[in-house]
Protein backbone atom coordinates (compact mmCIF):
# COMPACT_ATOMS: atom_id res chain seq x y z
CA UNK A 1 -43.01 -20.85 -18.84
CA UNK A 2 -45.43 -18.61 -17.03
CA UNK A 3 -43.18 -15.64 -17.67
CA UNK A 4 -43.40 -16.08 -21.32
CA UNK A 5 -46.74 -14.24 -21.37
CA UNK A 6 -45.05 -11.07 -20.16
CA UNK A 7 -45.27 -9.65 -23.73
CA UNK A 8 -49.13 -9.87 -23.68
CA UNK A 9 -49.16 -8.31 -20.16
CA UNK A 10 -47.03 -5.42 -21.14
CA UNK A 11 -49.03 -4.72 -24.41
CA UNK A 12 -52.42 -4.91 -22.58
CA UNK A 13 -50.90 -2.50 -19.84
CA UNK A 14 -49.71 -0.12 -22.47
CA UNK A 15 -53.09 -0.20 -24.35
CA UNK A 16 -55.00 0.54 -21.14
CA UNK A 17 -52.73 3.55 -20.22
CA UNK A 18 -53.04 5.00 -23.79
CA UNK A 19 -56.88 4.58 -23.68
CA UNK A 20 -57.04 6.46 -20.35
CA UNK A 21 -54.81 9.45 -21.30
CA UNK A 22 -56.31 11.68 -24.06
CA UNK A 23 -54.50 14.46 -25.58
CA UNK A 24 -56.40 17.76 -24.98
CA UNK A 25 -57.70 19.52 -27.93
CA UNK A 26 -55.55 22.58 -27.63
CA UNK A 27 -52.41 20.48 -28.14
CA UNK A 28 -53.41 18.70 -31.31
CA UNK A 29 -51.28 19.47 -34.25
CA UNK A 30 -48.50 21.18 -32.17
CA UNK A 31 -45.02 20.03 -31.19
CA UNK A 32 -46.44 18.77 -28.06
CA UNK A 33 -48.42 16.06 -29.71
CA UNK A 34 -45.44 15.07 -31.98
CA UNK A 35 -43.32 14.97 -28.83
CA UNK A 36 -45.79 12.66 -27.13
CA UNK A 37 -45.92 10.48 -30.17
CA UNK A 38 -42.27 10.19 -30.30
CA UNK A 39 -41.92 9.10 -26.57
CA UNK A 40 -45.00 6.63 -27.09
CA UNK A 41 -43.00 4.95 -30.04
CA UNK A 42 -39.93 4.89 -28.18
CA UNK A 43 -41.58 3.15 -25.19
CA UNK A 44 -43.15 0.76 -27.57
CA UNK A 45 -39.98 -0.16 -29.30
CA UNK A 46 -38.06 -0.60 -26.17
CA UNK A 47 -40.70 -2.76 -24.50
CA UNK A 48 -40.71 -4.88 -27.64
CA UNK A 49 -36.89 -5.31 -27.37
CA UNK A 50 -37.20 -6.10 -23.65
CA UNK A 51 -39.87 -8.77 -24.52
CA UNK A 52 -37.73 -10.19 -27.22
CA UNK A 53 -34.77 -10.48 -24.96
CA UNK A 54 -36.68 -12.39 -22.20
CA UNK A 55 -38.24 -14.85 -24.74
CA UNK A 56 -34.66 -15.42 -26.30
CA UNK A 57 -33.30 -15.95 -22.86
CA UNK A 58 -35.77 -18.85 -22.51
CA UNK A 59 -34.88 -20.51 -25.84
CA UNK A 60 -31.09 -20.06 -25.56
CA UNK A 61 -30.22 -20.00 -21.72
CA UNK A 62 -26.56 -20.55 -22.18
CA UNK A 63 -26.27 -17.53 -24.58
CA UNK A 64 -28.28 -15.44 -22.18
CA UNK A 65 -26.08 -16.49 -19.21
CA UNK A 66 -22.89 -15.69 -21.17
CA UNK A 67 -24.13 -12.25 -22.15
CA UNK A 68 -25.34 -11.57 -18.59
CA UNK A 69 -22.01 -12.62 -17.13
CA UNK A 70 -20.15 -10.40 -19.64
CA UNK A 71 -22.38 -7.36 -18.90
CA UNK A 72 -21.92 -8.02 -15.07
CA UNK A 73 -18.14 -8.21 -15.53
CA UNK A 74 -18.00 -5.00 -17.50
CA UNK A 75 -20.09 -3.29 -14.99
CA UNK A 76 -17.98 -4.33 -12.18
CA UNK A 77 -14.84 -3.38 -14.10
CA UNK A 78 -16.23 0.07 -14.55
CA UNK A 79 -16.90 0.40 -10.82
CA UNK A 80 -13.42 -0.71 -9.89
CA UNK A 81 -11.67 1.35 -12.45
CA UNK A 82 -8.76 3.08 -10.69
CA UNK A 83 -8.13 6.66 -11.02
CA UNK A 84 -5.10 9.14 -10.12
CA UNK A 85 -5.82 9.01 -6.43
CA UNK A 86 -5.61 5.21 -6.39
CA UNK A 87 -2.34 5.33 -8.52
CA UNK A 88 -0.70 7.91 -6.14
CA UNK A 89 -1.75 5.78 -3.17
CA UNK A 90 -0.14 2.68 -4.70
CA UNK A 91 2.81 4.54 -5.75
CA UNK A 92 3.43 6.00 -2.21
CA UNK A 93 2.95 2.50 -0.87
CA UNK A 94 5.50 1.06 -3.34
CA UNK A 95 8.01 3.91 -2.56
CA UNK A 96 7.70 3.42 1.13
CA UNK A 97 8.36 -0.30 0.70
CA UNK A 98 11.37 0.54 -1.37
CA UNK A 99 12.79 3.08 1.10
CA UNK A 100 13.01 0.35 3.79
CA UNK A 101 15.56 -1.58 1.68
CA UNK A 102 19.20 -0.35 1.51
CA UNK A 103 20.16 0.99 -2.01
CA UNK A 104 22.66 -1.73 -2.56
CA UNK A 105 19.93 -4.45 -1.88
CA UNK A 106 17.31 -2.79 -4.23
CA UNK A 107 16.21 -4.44 -7.26
CA UNK A 108 17.54 -2.07 -10.04
CA UNK A 109 14.51 -2.74 -12.27
CA UNK A 110 12.03 -1.61 -9.47
CA UNK A 111 14.24 1.30 -8.43
CA UNK A 112 14.44 2.73 -12.10
CA UNK A 113 10.82 2.20 -12.62
CA UNK A 114 9.77 4.19 -9.49
CA UNK A 115 12.48 6.79 -10.52
CA UNK A 116 10.91 7.14 -13.93
CA UNK A 117 7.52 7.63 -12.32
CA UNK A 118 8.71 10.21 -9.68
CA UNK A 119 10.42 12.18 -12.64
CA UNK A 120 7.34 12.21 -14.74
CA UNK A 121 5.27 13.43 -11.79
CA UNK A 122 7.76 16.10 -10.79
CA UNK A 123 8.08 17.43 -14.54
CA UNK A 124 4.06 17.21 -14.71
CA UNK A 125 4.30 15.04 -17.74
CA UNK A 126 2.20 12.03 -16.34
CA UNK A 127 -1.23 11.67 -17.85
CA UNK A 128 -4.09 9.39 -17.12
CA UNK A 129 -6.67 8.28 -19.79
CA UNK A 130 -9.73 6.47 -18.36
CA UNK A 131 -11.47 4.27 -20.79
CA UNK A 132 -14.29 3.27 -18.54
CA UNK A 133 -13.30 -0.24 -17.44
CA UNK A 134 -9.52 0.45 -17.52
CA UNK A 135 -7.15 3.49 -17.11
CA UNK A 136 -4.01 4.10 -19.16
CA UNK A 137 -1.18 5.86 -17.66
CA UNK A 138 1.17 7.52 -20.11
CA UNK A 139 4.03 9.99 -20.20
CA UNK A 140 3.52 13.21 -22.45
CA UNK A 141 6.20 15.10 -24.32
CA UNK A 142 5.61 18.30 -22.57
CA UNK A 143 4.59 19.67 -19.16
CA UNK A 144 0.73 20.24 -18.75
CA UNK A 145 1.27 24.13 -18.03
CA UNK A 146 3.65 24.53 -20.96
CA UNK A 147 2.43 27.20 -23.42
CA UNK A 148 5.22 27.13 -25.92
CA UNK A 149 4.69 26.70 -29.52
CA UNK A 150 5.82 22.94 -29.61
CA UNK A 151 3.70 22.08 -26.74
CA UNK A 152 0.41 23.32 -28.29
CA UNK A 153 0.99 22.44 -31.82
CA UNK A 154 -1.06 19.37 -33.01
CA UNK A 155 1.93 18.20 -35.13
CA UNK A 156 4.46 17.94 -32.32
CA UNK A 157 2.06 16.22 -29.85
CA UNK A 158 2.01 12.57 -29.19
CA UNK A 159 0.15 11.00 -32.15
CA UNK A 160 -2.26 8.15 -32.43
CA UNK A 161 0.21 5.83 -34.00
CA UNK A 162 3.00 6.29 -31.58
CA UNK A 163 0.90 6.62 -28.42
CA UNK A 164 1.52 2.90 -27.49
CA UNK A 165 5.22 3.83 -27.08
CA UNK A 166 4.33 6.34 -24.44
CA UNK A 167 2.12 3.89 -22.11
CA UNK A 168 3.92 3.10 -18.86
CA UNK A 169 1.14 1.39 -16.83
CA UNK A 170 -2.36 0.12 -17.18
CA UNK A 171 -4.89 0.21 -14.41
CA UNK A 172 -7.58 -2.20 -14.12
CA UNK A 173 -9.66 -3.74 -11.31
CA UNK A 174 -8.18 -1.40 -8.68
CA UNK A 175 -4.63 -2.20 -9.51
CA UNK A 176 -1.84 -0.72 -11.48
CA UNK A 177 -0.53 -3.97 -13.06
CA UNK A 178 2.93 -2.80 -14.31
CA UNK A 179 3.67 -1.24 -11.02
CA UNK A 180 2.59 -4.39 -9.21
CA UNK A 181 4.74 -6.51 -11.40
CA UNK A 182 7.78 -4.38 -11.17
CA UNK A 183 7.54 -4.34 -7.33
CA UNK A 184 7.06 -8.06 -7.12
CA UNK A 185 10.71 -8.70 -6.19
CA UNK A 186 12.07 -5.27 -5.00
CA UNK A 187 14.42 -6.42 -2.23
CA UNK A 188 17.45 -8.63 -1.73
CA UNK A 189 15.64 -11.71 -2.94
CA UNK A 190 15.21 -10.25 -6.38
CA UNK A 191 17.22 -12.86 -8.22
């Protein structure tokens, strides 16, 4: 319980710091004084919030542990969010594994999915949308370099309400999960 007195320590330290620093006379009444007052208020508010969080974590440790674990999970998911390079690496690996199997022994579901991805890449219609903790892989209606009217008109683009129909994969935790699921049984033992 020694740590609970941290609020008093922070307040005393902030007061000593404010007493030592005096605003020069030439800055009084200018925007510099208002700017210093703004930052002092901001530091005061956030230090009060930090002290309140520490005090509440002592009174409700299970809730603090749950929030801390959740924040750590979101942080790690953000660090391990896969991008385009990770997708291309995984796709090349899956394609190389599929090539080693004769065409008549390949799982048709896996082969069709890889063919769909390759066509979208060759037509430059494959798009990635990073959401911070996950990445959505989707197929657009038009080529990214297409400058025709239907390609740039906002009414002929993929809308918000039918965007979910265009999603073909979701990347999370350094994996693209639909690609991994489709390639689970890609060879002769797929049945």
